[in-house]
PDB file of N, CA and C in Angstrom:
ATOM      1  N   UNK A   1     186.943 183.360  80.366  1.00  0.00           N
ATOM      2  CA  UNK A   1     187.672 182.259  79.871  1.00  0.00           C
ATOM      3  C   UNK A   1     189.007 183.055  79.112  1.00  0.00           C
ATOM      4  N   UNK A   2     190.257 182.795  79.406  1.00  0.00           N
ATOM      5  CA  UNK A   2     191.014 183.328  78.765  1.00  0.00           C
ATOM      6  C   UNK A   2     191.256 182.460  77.394  1.00  0.00           C
ATOM      7  N   UNK A   3     191.666 182.759  76.146  1.00  0.00           N
ATOM      8  CA  UNK A   3     192.090 182.461  75.055  1.00  0.00           C
ATOM      9  C   UNK A   3     192.755 181.348  75.018  1.00  0.00           C
ATOM     10  N   UNK A   4     193.694 181.172  76.077  1.00  0.00           N
ATOM     11  CA  UNK A   4     194.752 180.002  76.308  1.00  0.00           C
ATOM     12  C   UNK A   4     194.175 178.782  77.389  1.00  0.00           C
ATOM     13  N   UNK A   5     192.915 179.334  77.635  1.00  0.00           N
ATOM     14  CA  UNK A   5     192.190 178.159  78.814  1.00  0.00           C
ATOM     15  C   UNK A   5     191.059 177.325  77.840  1.00  0.00           C
ATOM     16  N   UNK A   6     190.933 176.371  78.661  1.00  0.00           N
ATOM     17  CA  UNK A   6     190.137 174.843  78.146  1.00  0.00           C
ATOM     18  C   UNK A   6     188.848 175.050  79.300  1.00  0.00           C
ATOM     19  N   UNK A   7     187.903 174.426  78.327  1.00  0.00           N
ATOM     20  CA  UNK A   7     186.588 173.953  79.184  1.00  0.00           C
ATOM     21  C   UNK A   7     187.313 173.046  80.206  1.00  0.00           C
ATOM     22  N   UNK A   8     188.222 172.118  79.988  1.00  0.00           N
ATOM     23  CA  UNK A   8     188.985 171.168  81.092  1.00  0.00           C
ATOM     24  C   UNK A   8     189.769 171.748  81.766  1.00  0.00           C
ATOM     25  N   UNK A   9     189.814 172.957  81.746  1.00  0.00           N
ATOM     26  CA  UNK A   9     190.367 173.720  83.319  1.00  0.00           C
ATOM     27  C   UNK A   9     189.533 173.944  84.370  1.00  0.00           C
ATOM     28  N   UNK A  10     188.320 173.927  83.770  1.00  0.00           N
ATOM     29  CA  UNK A  10     187.050 174.236  84.586  1.00  0.00           C
ATOM     30  C   UNK A  10     186.860 172.735  85.680  1.00  0.00           C
ATOM     31  N   UNK A  11     187.008 173.449  87.330  1.00  0.00           N
ATOM     32  CA  UNK A  11     186.837 172.313  88.255  1.00  0.00           C
ATOM     33  C   UNK A  11     185.303 171.491  88.044  1.00  0.00           C
ATOM     34  N   UNK A  12     184.297 172.180  87.676  1.00  0.00           N
ATOM     35  CA  UNK A  12     182.815 171.435  87.781  1.00  0.00           C
ATOM     36  C   UNK A  12     182.748 170.724  86.249  1.00  0.00           C
ATOM     37  N   UNK A  13     183.788 171.299  85.257  1.00  0.00           N
ATOM     38  CA  UNK A  13     183.453 170.422  84.287  1.00  0.00           C
ATOM     39  C   UNK A  13     184.494 169.178  84.495  1.00  0.00           C
ATOM     40  N   UNK A  14     185.328 169.000  85.403  1.00  0.00           N
ATOM     41  CA  UNK A  14     185.927 167.968  85.392  1.00  0.00           C
ATOM     42  C   UNK A  14     185.176 166.981  86.475  1.00  0.00           C
ATOM     43  N   UNK A  15     184.290 167.634  87.362  1.00  0.00           N
ATOM     44  CA  UNK A  15     183.609 166.665  88.282  1.00  0.00           C
ATOM     45  C   UNK A  15     182.579 166.150  87.270  1.00  0.00           C
ATOM     46  N   UNK A  16     181.947 166.562  86.400  1.00  0.00           N
ATOM     47  CA  UNK A  16     181.030 166.149  85.764  1.00  0.00           C
ATOM     48  C   UNK A  16     181.405 165.222  85.048  1.00  0.00           C
ATOM     49  N   UNK A  17     182.612 165.368  84.255  1.00  0.00           N
ATOM     50  CA  UNK A  17     182.995 164.476  83.292  1.00  0.00           C
ATOM     51  C   UNK A  17     183.307 163.235  84.185  1.00  0.00           C
ATOM     52  N   UNK A  18     184.135 163.223  85.148  1.00  0.00           N
ATOM     53  CA  UNK A  18     184.161 162.154  86.485  1.00  0.00           C
ATOM     54  C   UNK A  18     183.112 161.156  86.579  1.00  0.00           C
ATOM     55  N   UNK A  19     181.986 161.846  86.834  1.00  0.00           N
ATOM     56  CA  UNK A  19     180.521 161.424  87.329  1.00  0.00           C
ATOM     57  C   UNK A  19     179.962 160.631  86.221  1.00  0.00           C
ATOM     58  N   UNK A  20     180.269 161.377  84.893  1.00  0.00           N
ATOM     59  CA  UNK A  20     179.658 160.526  83.573  1.00  0.00           C
ATOM     60  C   UNK A  20     180.314 159.378  83.250  1.00  0.00           C
ATOM     61  N   UNK A  21     181.684 159.133  83.753  1.00  0.00           N
ATOM     62  CA  UNK A  21     182.525 158.126  83.308  1.00  0.00           C
ATOM     63  C   UNK A  21     182.054 157.217  84.277  1.00  0.00           C
ATOM     64  N   UNK A  22     182.033 157.750  85.563  1.00  0.00           N
ATOM     65  CA  UNK A  22     181.525 156.313  87.068  1.00  0.00           C
ATOM     66  C   UNK A  22     180.477 155.930  86.269  1.00  0.00           C
ATOM     67  N   UNK A  23     179.536 156.449  85.876  1.00  0.00           N
ATOM     68  CA  UNK A  23     177.902 156.097  85.256  1.00  0.00           C
ATOM     69  C   UNK A  23     177.831 155.176  84.445  1.00  0.00           C
ATOM     70  N   UNK A  24     179.167 154.434  83.591  1.00  0.00           N
ATOM     71  CA  UNK A  24     179.236 153.792  82.467  1.00  0.00           C
ATOM     72  C   UNK A  24     179.219 152.164  83.144  1.00  0.00           C
ATOM     73  N   UNK A  25     178.044 151.473  83.118  1.00  0.00           N
ATOM     74  CA  UNK A  25     178.411 150.284  83.709  1.00  0.00           C
ATOM     75  C   UNK A  25     179.567 149.250  82.882  1.00  0.00           C
ATOM     76  N   UNK A  26     180.310 148.253  83.582  1.00  0.00           N
ATOM     77  CA  UNK A  26     180.801 147.186  83.031  1.00  0.00           C
ATOM     78  C   UNK A  26     179.988 146.604  81.541  1.00  0.00           C
ATOM     79  N   UNK A  27     181.222 146.604  80.422  1.00  0.00           N
ATOM     80  CA  UNK A  27     180.310 145.719  79.387  1.00  0.00           C
ATOM     81  C   UNK A  27     179.599 147.117  78.391  1.00  0.00           C
ATOM     82  N   UNK A  28     179.674 147.957  78.830  1.00  0.00           N
ATOM     83  CA  UNK A  28     179.140 149.025  77.958  1.00  0.00           C
ATOM     84  C   UNK A  28     179.611 150.143  77.770  1.00  0.00           C
ATOM     85  N   UNK A  29     180.224 151.235  76.456  1.00  0.00           N
ATOM     86  CA  UNK A  29     181.011 152.331  76.402  1.00  0.00           C
ATOM     87  C   UNK A  29     180.049 153.387  75.962  1.00  0.00           C
ATOM     88  N   UNK A  30     181.187 154.392  76.095  1.00  0.00           N
ATOM     89  CA  UNK A  30     180.297 155.696  75.820  1.00  0.00           C
ATOM     90  C   UNK A  30     181.446 156.515  75.161  1.00  0.00           C
ATOM     91  N   UNK A  31     181.486 157.530  74.020  1.00  0.00           N
ATOM     92  CA  UNK A  31     182.318 158.116  73.566  1.00  0.00           C
ATOM     93  C   UNK A  31     182.746 159.201  73.896  1.00  0.00           C
ATOM     94  N   UNK A  32     183.974 160.124  73.738  1.00  0.00           N
ATOM     95  CA  UNK A  32     184.130 161.195  74.116  1.00  0.00           C
ATOM     96  C   UNK A  32     183.343 162.276  73.757  1.00  0.00           C
ATOM     97  N   UNK A  33     182.640 162.216  72.971  1.00  0.00           N
ATOM     98  CA  UNK A  33     181.389 163.187  72.858  1.00  0.00           C
ATOM     99  C   UNK A  33     180.273 162.559  73.642  1.00  0.00           C
ATOM    100  N   UNK A  34     180.030 161.774  73.795  1.00  0.00           N
ATOM    101  CA  UNK A  34     179.107 161.367  74.602  1.00  0.00           C
ATOM    102  C   UNK A  34     179.538 161.699  76.124  1.00  0.00           C
ATOM    103  N   UNK A  35     180.184 161.500  76.485  1.00  0.00           N
ATOM    104  CA  UNK A  35     180.598 162.139  78.087  1.00  0.00           C
ATOM    105  C   UNK A  35     180.911 163.739  77.872  1.00  0.00           C
ATOM    106  N   UNK A  36     181.271 164.414  76.910  1.00  0.00           N
ATOM    107  CA  UNK A  36     181.223 166.058  77.002  1.00  0.00           C
ATOM    108  C   UNK A  36     179.493 166.328  77.104  1.00  0.00           C
ATOM    109  N   UNK A  37     179.290 165.736  76.067  1.00  0.00           N
ATOM    110  CA  UNK A  37     177.398 165.958  76.151  1.00  0.00           C
ATOM    111  C   UNK A  37     176.789 166.041  77.713  1.00  0.00           C
ATOM    112  N   UNK A  38     176.915 164.789  78.412  1.00  0.00           N
ATOM    113  CA  UNK A  38     176.656 164.833  79.574  1.00  0.00           C
ATOM    114  C   UNK A  38     177.335 165.456  80.529  1.00  0.00           C
ATOM    115  N   UNK A  39     178.248 166.199  80.376  1.00  0.00           N
ATOM    116  CA  UNK A  39     179.037 167.310  81.104  1.00  0.00           C
ATOM    117  C   UNK A  39     178.627 168.698  81.100  1.00  0.00           C
ATOM    118  N   UNK A  40     177.322 168.649  79.947  1.00  0.00           N
ATOM    119  CA  UNK A  40     176.828 169.929  79.534  1.00  0.00           C
ATOM    120  C   UNK A  40     177.609 170.730  78.768  1.00  0.00           C
ATOM    121  N   UNK A  41     178.754 170.079  77.714  1.00  0.00           N
ATOM    122  CA  UNK A  41     179.738 170.543  76.896  1.00  0.00           C
ATOM    123  C   UNK A  41     179.616 170.080  75.753  1.00  0.00           C
ATOM    124  N   UNK A  42     178.922 170.009  74.894  1.00  0.00           N
ATOM    125  CA  UNK A  42     178.735 169.038  73.611  1.00  0.00           C
ATOM    126  C   UNK A  42     179.689 169.073  72.383  1.00  0.00           C
ATOM    127  N   UNK A  43     180.548 170.279  72.584  1.00  0.00           N
ATOM    128  CA  UNK A  43     181.622 170.504  71.843  1.00  0.00           C
ATOM    129  C   UNK A  43     182.997 169.972  72.178  1.00  0.00           C
ATOM    130  N   UNK A  44     183.176 169.529  73.135  1.00  0.00           N
ATOM    131  CA  UNK A  44     184.316 169.447  74.162  1.00  0.00           C
ATOM    132  C   UNK A  44     184.876 168.180  74.286  1.00  0.00           C
ATOM    133  N   UNK A  45     184.497 167.186  73.086  1.00  0.00           N
ATOM    134  CA  UNK A  45     184.929 165.967  73.248  1.00  0.00           C
ATOM    135  C   UNK A  45     186.650 165.589  73.113  1.00  0.00           C
ATOM    136  N   UNK A  46     187.118 166.630  72.925  1.00  0.00           N
ATOM    137  CA  UNK A  46     188.589 166.828  72.712  1.00  0.00           C
ATOM    138  C   UNK A  46     189.028 166.879  74.415  1.00  0.00           C
ATOM    139  N   UNK A  47     188.415 168.018  74.647  1.00  0.00           N
ATOM    140  CA  UNK A  47     188.687 168.151  76.462  1.00  0.00           C
ATOM    141  C   UNK A  47     188.508 167.121  77.034  1.00  0.00           C
ATOM    142  N   UNK A  48     187.482 166.221  76.553  1.00  0.00           N
ATOM    143  CA  UNK A  48     187.280 165.080  77.869  1.00  0.00           C
ATOM    144  C   UNK A  48     188.455 164.124  77.425  1.00  0.00           C
ATOM    145  N   UNK A  49     188.977 163.831  75.982  1.00  0.00           N
ATOM    146  CA  UNK A  49     189.798 162.963  75.377  1.00  0.00           C
ATOM    147  C   UNK A  49     191.161 163.436  76.666  1.00  0.00           C
ATOM    148  N   UNK A  50     191.364 164.897  76.600  1.00  0.00           N
ATOM    149  CA  UNK A  50     192.596 165.477  77.443  1.00  0.00           C
ATOM    150  C   UNK A  50     192.428 165.065  78.907  1.00  0.00           C
ATOM    151  N   UNK A  51     191.357 165.394  79.393  1.00  0.00           N
ATOM    152  CA  UNK A  51     191.316 164.722  80.621  1.00  0.00           C
ATOM    153  C   UNK A  51     191.264 163.163  81.078  1.00  0.00           C
ATOM    154  N   UNK A  52     190.758 162.306  80.185  1.00  0.00           N
ATOM    155  CA  UNK A  52     190.741 161.329  80.182  1.00  0.00           C
ATOM    156  C   UNK A  52     192.776 160.540  80.483  1.00  0.00           C
ATOM    157  N   UNK A  53     193.418 161.486  79.822  1.00  0.00           N
ATOM    158  CA  UNK A  53     194.694 161.099  79.761  1.00  0.00           C
ATOM    159  C   UNK A  53     195.394 161.912  81.061  1.00  0.00           C
ATOM    160  N   UNK A  54     195.169 162.625  81.521  1.00  0.00           N
ATOM    161  CA  UNK A  54     195.710 163.432  82.577  1.00  0.00           C
ATOM    162  C   UNK A  54     194.906 163.334  83.818  1.00  0.00           C
ATOM    163  N   UNK A  55     193.726 162.375  84.384  1.00  0.00           N
ATOM    164  CA  UNK A  55     193.451 162.355  85.646  1.00  0.00           C
ATOM    165  C   UNK A  55     193.725 161.211  85.984  1.00  0.00           C
ATOM    166  N   UNK A  56     194.379 161.061  87.485  1.00  0.00           N
ATOM    167  CA  UNK A  56     194.868 159.860  88.001  1.00  0.00           C
ATOM    168  C   UNK A  56     193.915 159.192  88.969  1.00  0.00           C
ATOM    169  N   UNK A  57     192.403 159.095  88.618  1.00  0.00           N
ATOM    170  CA  UNK A  57     191.716 158.626  89.543  1.00  0.00           C
ATOM    171  C   UNK A  57     191.402 157.350  89.719  1.00  0.00           C
ATOM    172  N   UNK A  58     192.001 156.651  90.649  1.00  0.00           N
ATOM    173  CA  UNK A  58     191.972 155.186  90.738  1.00  0.00           C
ATOM    174  C   UNK A  58     190.704 154.208  91.074  1.00  0.00           C
ATOM    175  N   UNK A  59     190.319 153.441  89.912  1.00  0.00           N
ATOM    176  CA  UNK A  59     188.862 153.048  89.601  1.00  0.00           C
ATOM    177  C   UNK A  59     188.300 153.575  88.925  1.00  0.00           C
ATOM    178  N   UNK A  60     188.425 154.337  88.478  1.00  0.00           N
ATOM    179  CA  UNK A  60     187.526 155.221  87.302  1.00  0.00           C
ATOM    180  C   UNK A  60     187.740 154.679  86.076  1.00  0.00           C
ATOM    181  N   UNK A  61     186.621 154.160  85.332  1.00  0.00           N
ATOM    182  CA  UNK A  61     186.774 153.242  84.101  1.00  0.00           C
ATOM    183  C   UNK A  61     187.300 153.927  83.046  1.00  0.00           C
ATOM    184  N   UNK A  62     188.114 154.694  82.892  1.00  0.00           N
ATOM    185  CA  UNK A  62     188.653 155.164  82.074  1.00  0.00           C
ATOM    186  C   UNK A  62     188.400 154.588  80.170  1.00  0.00           C
ATOM    187  N   UNK A  63     188.492 153.130  80.622  1.00  0.00           N
ATOM    188  CA  UNK A  63     188.940 152.488  79.257  1.00  0.00           C
ATOM    189  C   UNK A  63     187.505 152.310  78.688  1.00  0.00           C
ATOM    190  N   UNK A  64     186.458 152.670  79.516  1.00  0.00           N
ATOM    191  CA  UNK A  64     185.374 152.590  78.684  1.00  0.00           C
ATOM    192  C   UNK A  64     184.414 153.582  77.662  1.00  0.00           C
ATOM    193  N   UNK A  65     185.511 154.676  77.814  1.00  0.00           N
ATOM    194  CA  UNK A  65     185.139 156.058  77.046  1.00  0.00           C
ATOM    195  C   UNK A  65     186.149 155.485  75.799  1.00  0.00           C
ATOM    196  N   UNK A  66     185.373 155.538  74.444  1.00  0.00           N
ATOM    197  CA  UNK A  66     185.924 155.462  73.392  1.00  0.00           C
ATOM    198  C   UNK A  66     185.913 156.503  72.598  1.00  0.00           C
ATOM    199  N   UNK A  67     186.804 156.334  71.198  1.00  0.00           N
ATOM    200  CA  UNK A  67     186.532 157.406  70.135  1.00  0.00           C
ATOM    201  C   UNK A  67     185.067 157.018  69.162  1.00  0.00           C
ATOM    202  N   UNK A  68     184.898 158.003  68.499  1.00  0.00           N
ATOM    203  CA  UNK A  68     183.348 157.988  67.756  1.00  0.00           C
ATOM    204  C   UNK A  68     183.508 156.999  66.735  1.00  0.00           C
ATOM    205  N   UNK A  69     182.558 156.362  66.643  1.00  0.00           N
ATOM    206  CA  UNK A  69     182.408 155.277  65.773  1.00  0.00           C
ATOM    207  C   UNK A  69     183.126 153.825  66.214  1.00  0.00           C
ATOM    208  N   UNK A  70     183.399 153.922  67.434  1.00  0.00           N
ATOM    209  CA  UNK A  70     183.638 152.365  67.910  1.00  0.00           C
ATOM    210  C   UNK A  70     185.224 152.080  67.659  1.00  0.00           C
ATOM    211  N   UNK A  71     185.947 152.993  67.511  1.00  0.00           N
ATOM    212  CA  UNK A  71     187.586 153.026  67.443  1.00  0.00           C
ATOM    213  C   UNK A  71     187.616 153.064  68.813  1.00  0.00           C
ATOM    214  N   UNK A  72     188.726 152.269  69.519  1.00  0.00           N
ATOM    215  CA  UNK A  72     188.941 152.039  70.984  1.00  0.00           C
ATOM    216  C   UNK A  72     189.648 153.354  71.097  1.00  0.00           C
ATOM    217  N   UNK A  73     190.422 154.086  70.759  1.00  0.00           N
ATOM    218  CA  UNK A  73     190.922 155.306  70.854  1.00  0.00           C
ATOM    219  C   UNK A  73     192.515 155.296  71.734  1.00  0.00           C
ATOM    220  N   UNK A  74     192.891 156.004  72.122  1.00  0.00           N
ATOM    221  CA  UNK A  74     193.977 155.814  72.833  1.00  0.00           C
ATOM    222  C   UNK A  74     193.900 155.569  74.300  1.00  0.00           C
ATOM    223  N   UNK A  75     194.978 155.255  74.987  1.00  0.00           N
ATOM    224  CA  UNK A  75     194.865 154.317  76.422  1.00  0.00           C
ATOM    225  C   UNK A  75     196.286 154.740  76.579  1.00  0.00           C
ATOM    226  N   UNK A  76     197.197 156.208  76.673  1.00  0.00           N
ATOM    227  CA  UNK A  76     198.206 156.397  76.758  1.00  0.00           C
ATOM    228  C   UNK A  76     199.041 155.146  75.717  1.00  0.00           C
ATOM    229  N   UNK A  77     200.357 154.728  76.316  1.00  0.00           N
ATOM    230  CA  UNK A  77     200.968 154.134  75.437  1.00  0.00           C
ATOM    231  C   UNK A  77     200.850 152.638  75.178  1.00  0.00           C
ATOM    232  N   UNK A  78     199.551 152.156  76.208  1.00  0.00           N
ATOM    233  CA  UNK A  78     198.911 150.664  75.953  1.00  0.00           C
ATOM    234  C   UNK A  78     197.587 150.563  75.490  1.00  0.00           C
ATOM    235  N   UNK A  79     197.382 150.820  73.963  1.00  0.00           N
ATOM    236  CA  UNK A  79     196.022 150.435  73.603  1.00  0.00           C
ATOM    237  C   UNK A  79     195.710 149.310  73.597  1.00  0.00           C
ATOM    238  N   UNK A  80     196.758 148.124  73.941  1.00  0.00           N
ATOM    239  CA  UNK A  80     196.381 146.699  73.619  1.00  0.00           C
ATOM    240  C   UNK A  80     195.641 146.666  75.207  1.00  0.00           C
ATOM    241  N   UNK A  81     195.973 146.988  76.183  1.00  0.00           N
ATOM    242  CA  UNK A  81     195.535 147.142  77.138  1.00  0.00           C
ATOM    243  C   UNK A  81     194.012 147.439  77.367  1.00  0.00           C
ATOM    244  N   UNK A  82     194.000 148.624  76.740  1.00  0.00           N
ATOM    245  CA  UNK A  82     192.468 148.926  76.686  1.00  0.00           C
ATOM    246  C   UNK A  82     191.467 148.202  76.234  1.00  0.00           C
ATOM    247  N   UNK A  83     192.150 147.396  75.138  1.00  0.00           N
ATOM    248  CA  UNK A  83     191.274 146.542  74.367  1.00  0.00           C
ATOM    249  C   UNK A  83     191.145 145.265  75.187  1.00  0.00           C
ATOM    250  N   UNK A  84     191.822 144.715  75.877  1.00  0.00           N
ATOM    251  CA  UNK A  84     192.328 143.403  76.746  1.00  0.00           C
ATOM    252  C   UNK A  84     191.003 143.960  78.008  1.00  0.00           C
ATOM    253  N   UNK A  85     191.077 144.947  78.389  1.00  0.00           N
ATOM    254  CA  UNK A  85     190.175 145.351  79.304  1.00  0.00           C
ATOM    255  C   UNK A  85     188.648 145.270  79.033  1.00  0.00           C
ATOM    256  N   UNK A  86     188.099 145.923  77.900  1.00  0.00           N
ATOM    257  CA  UNK A  86     186.994 145.602  77.145  1.00  0.00           C
ATOM    258  C   UNK A  86     186.800 144.398  76.808  1.00  0.00           C
ATOM    259  N   UNK A  87     187.743 143.248  76.245  1.00  0.00           N
ATOM    260  CA  UNK A  87     187.213 142.098  76.276  1.00  0.00           C
ATOM    261  C   UNK A  87     187.255 141.458  77.429  1.00  0.00           C
ATOM    262  N   UNK A  88     187.626 141.513  78.407  1.00  0.00           N
ATOM    263  CA  UNK A  88     187.553 141.112  80.161  1.00  0.00           C
ATOM    264  C   UNK A  88     185.862 141.665  80.593  1.00  0.00           C
ATOM    265  N   UNK A  89     185.531 142.478  79.858  1.00  0.00           N
ATOM    266  CA  UNK A  89     184.354 143.103  80.162  1.00  0.00           C
ATOM    267  C   UNK A  89     183.001 142.361  79.094  1.00  0.00           C
ATOM    268  N   UNK A  90     183.579 141.357  78.527  1.00  0.00           N
ATOM    269  CA  UNK A  90     182.778 141.019  77.303  1.00  0.00           C
ATOM    270  C   UNK A  90     182.434 141.673  75.925  1.00  0.00           C
ATOM    271  N   UNK A  91     182.975 142.601  75.750  1.00  0.00           N
ATOM    272  CA  UNK A  91     183.217 143.213  74.366  1.00  0.00           C
ATOM    273  C   UNK A  91     183.984 142.767  73.382  1.00  0.00           C
ATOM    274  N   UNK A  92     183.974 142.563  72.130  1.00  0.00           N
ATOM    275  CA  UNK A  92     184.686 142.276  71.150  1.00  0.00           C
ATOM    276  C   UNK A  92     185.738 143.730  70.404  1.00  0.00           C
ATOM    277  N   UNK A  93     186.607 143.185  70.457  1.00  0.00           N
ATOM    278  CA  UNK A  93     187.648 144.292  69.906  1.00  0.00           C
ATOM    279  C   UNK A  93     188.442 143.581  68.633  1.00  0.00           C
ATOM    280  N   UNK A  94     188.218 144.285  67.708  1.00  0.00           N
ATOM    281  CA  UNK A  94     189.082 143.468  66.334  1.00  0.00           C
ATOM    282  C   UNK A  94     189.787 144.908  65.781  1.00  0.00           C
ATOM    283  N   UNK A  95     191.122 144.708  65.532  1.00  0.00           N
ATOM    284  CA  UNK A  95     191.955 145.788  65.044  1.00  0.00           C
ATOM    285  C   UNK A  95     191.597 147.458  65.325  1.00  0.00           C
ATOM    286  N   UNK A  96     191.340 147.038  66.738  1.00  0.00           N
ATOM    287  CA  UNK A  96     191.169 148.654  67.291  1.00  0.00           C
ATOM    288  C   UNK A  96     189.661 149.594  67.426  1.00  0.00           C
ATOM    289  N   UNK A  97     188.798 148.405  66.949  1.00  0.00           N
ATOM    290  CA  UNK A  97     187.366 148.763  66.828  1.00  0.00           C
ATOM    291  C   UNK A  97     186.295 147.781  67.292  1.00  0.00           C
ATOM    292  N   UNK A  98     185.478 148.278  68.002  1.00  0.00           N
ATOM    293  CA  UNK A  98     184.725 147.509  68.921  1.00  0.00           C
ATOM    294  C   UNK A  98     183.408 146.997  68.187  1.00  0.00           C
ATOM    295  N   UNK A  99     183.298 145.767  68.136  1.00  0.00           N
ATOM    296  CA  UNK A  99     182.126 145.014  67.490  1.00  0.00           C
ATOM    297  C   UNK A  99     181.183 145.260  68.113  1.00  0.00           C
ATOM    298  N   UNK A 100     179.633 145.424  67.571  1.00  0.00           N
ATOM    299  CA  UNK A 100     178.383 145.646  67.881  1.00  0.00           C
ATOM    300  C   UNK A 100     178.347 146.940  68.728  1.00  0.00           C
ATOM    301  N   UNK A 101     179.318 148.143  68.261  1.00  0.00           N
ATOM    302  CA  UNK A 101     179.328 149.266  69.142  1.00  0.00           C
ATOM    303  C   UNK A 101     178.073 149.931  69.367  1.00  0.00           C
ATOM    304  N   UNK A 102     177.153 149.951  68.123  1.00  0.00           N
ATOM    305  CA  UNK A 102     175.702 150.716  68.656  1.00  0.00           C
ATOM    306  C   UNK A 102     175.172 150.041  69.634  1.00  0.00           C
ATOM    307  N   UNK A 103     175.128 148.452  69.644  1.00  0.00           N
ATOM    308  CA  UNK A 103     174.539 148.053  70.970  1.00  0.00           C
ATOM    309  C   UNK A 103     175.311 147.944  72.469  1.00  0.00           C
ATOM    310  N   UNK A 104     176.178 148.076  72.092  1.00  0.00           N
ATOM    311  CA  UNK A 104     177.279 148.548  73.441  1.00  0.00           C
ATOM    312  C   UNK A 104     177.347 149.945  74.087  1.00  0.00           C
ATOM    313  N   UNK A 105     176.997 150.893  73.228  1.00  0.00           N
ATOM    314  CA  UNK A 105     177.069 152.233  73.574  1.00  0.00           C
ATOM    315  C   UNK A 105     175.784 152.779  74.086  1.00  0.00           C
ATOM    316  N   UNK A 106     176.123 153.767  75.353  1.00  0.00           N
ATOM    317  CA  UNK A 106     175.267 153.872  76.270  1.00  0.00           C
ATOM    318  C   UNK A 106     175.661 155.645  76.044  1.00  0.00           C
ATOM    319  N   UNK A 107     174.300 156.486  76.676  1.00  0.00           N
ATOM    320  CA  UNK A 107     174.715 157.638  76.446  1.00  0.00           C
ATOM    321  C   UNK A 107     174.668 158.529  77.991  1.00  0.00           C
ATOM    322  N   UNK A 108     175.452 158.602  78.588  1.00  0.00           N
ATOM    323  CA  UNK A 108     175.221 158.768  80.306  1.00  0.00           C
ATOM    324  C   UNK A 108     174.494 160.222  80.069  1.00  0.00           C
ATOM    325  N   UNK A 109     173.867 160.257  81.266  1.00  0.00           N
ATOM    326  CA  UNK A 109     173.215 161.688  81.099  1.00  0.00           C
ATOM    327  C   UNK A 109     173.256 161.781  82.664  1.00  0.00           C
ATOM    328  N   UNK A 110     173.364 163.028  83.181  1.00  0.00           N
ATOM    329  CA  UNK A 110     173.443 163.584  84.264  1.00  0.00           C
ATOM    330  C   UNK A 110     172.465 164.580  84.547  1.00  0.00           C
ATOM    331  N   UNK A 111     171.225 164.545  85.149  1.00  0.00           N
ATOM    332  CA  UNK A 111     170.650 165.477  85.709  1.00  0.00           C
ATOM    333  C   UNK A 111     171.231 166.280  86.516  1.00  0.00           C
ATOM    334  N   UNK A 112     171.260 167.610  85.673  1.00  0.00           N
ATOM    335  CA  UNK A 112     172.182 168.506  86.283  1.00  0.00           C
ATOM    336  C   UNK A 112     170.738 169.563  86.754  1.00  0.00           C
ATOM    337  N   UNK A 113     171.144 170.264  88.057  1.00  0.00           N
ATOM    338  CA  UNK A 113     170.151 171.097  88.629  1.00  0.00           C
ATOM    339  C   UNK A 113     171.301 172.604  88.330  1.00  0.00           C
ATOM    340  N   UNK A 114     170.567 173.246  87.537  1.00  0.00           N
ATOM    341  CA  UNK A 114     170.891 174.457  86.836  1.00  0.00           C
ATOM    342  C   UNK A 114     170.369 175.919  88.002  1.00  0.00           C
ATOM    343  N   UNK A 115     171.241 176.998  88.235  1.00  0.00           N
ATOM    344  CA  UNK A 115     170.272 177.935  89.136  1.00  0.00           C
ATOM    345  C   UNK A 115     170.157 178.785  88.035  1.00  0.00           C
ATOM    346  N   UNK A 116     169.002 179.442  88.418  1.00  0.00           N
ATOM    347  CA  UNK A 116     168.023 180.688  87.698  1.00  0.00           C
ATOM    348  C   UNK A 116     169.701 181.666  87.664  1.00  0.00           C
ATOM    349  N   UNK A 117     169.069 182.856  87.299  1.00  0.00           N
ATOM    350  CA  UNK A 117     170.282 184.279  87.015  1.00  0.00           C
ATOM    351  C   UNK A 117     170.191 184.901  88.539  1.00  0.00           C
ATOM    352  N   UNK A 118     169.385 184.317  89.202  1.00  0.00           N
ATOM    353  CA  UNK A 118     169.028 184.795  90.769  1.00  0.00           C
ATOM    354  C   UNK A 118     170.229 183.957  91.593  1.00  0.00           C
ATOM    355  N   UNK A 119     170.547 182.868  90.760  1.00  0.00           N
ATOM    356  CA  UNK A 119     171.342 181.982  91.781  1.00  0.00           C
ATOM    357  C   UNK A 119     170.639 181.155  92.660  1.00  0.00           C
ATOM    358  N   UNK A 120     169.357 181.182  92.347  1.00  0.00           N
ATOM    359  CA  UNK A 120     168.515 180.262  93.123  1.00  0.00           C
ATOM    360  C   UNK A 120     168.057 178.418  92.190  1.00  0.00           C
ATOM    361  N   UNK A 121     168.584 177.428  92.935  1.00  0.00           N
ATOM    362  CA  UNK A 121     168.130 176.337  92.409  1.00  0.00           C
ATOM    363  C   UNK A 121     166.534 176.342  91.875  1.00  0.00           C
ATOM    364  N   UNK A 122     166.430 175.600  90.578  1.00  0.00           N
ATOM    365  CA  UNK A 122     164.881 175.593  90.167  1.00  0.00           C
ATOM    366  C   UNK A 122     164.409 174.433  91.252  1.00  0.00           C
ATOM    367  N   UNK A 123     162.900 175.068  91.435  1.00  0.00           N
ATOM    368  CA  UNK A 123     162.368 174.010  92.057  1.00  0.00           C
ATOM    369  C   UNK A 123     161.476 172.905  91.381  1.00  0.00           C
TER     370      UNK A 123
END
């Protein structure tokens, strides 16, 4: 990967991020870091944020991905919309932070089948 490249540019990373976001059920939230970990790149929280900003997949629950510590984070020019969507799912948002963050947070995990060096999937 070039110095100018990011892990967000890798199609496999994008697909894993989308799968992890889809796995967040209504009324629950995950952080950008949680999604990065689920996608196999634990230090790529910022790349996840960039993907959330640029992906345009209808029905993907972008609003369920939040910043660390319960801050709702960005949602384009409409952070109030993100707060309203979360509230509609039963979460309480006060001054941009989610109440009972730890209780509502999930850490999605994807069961990834990694290929060994010979290119074969493990049994």
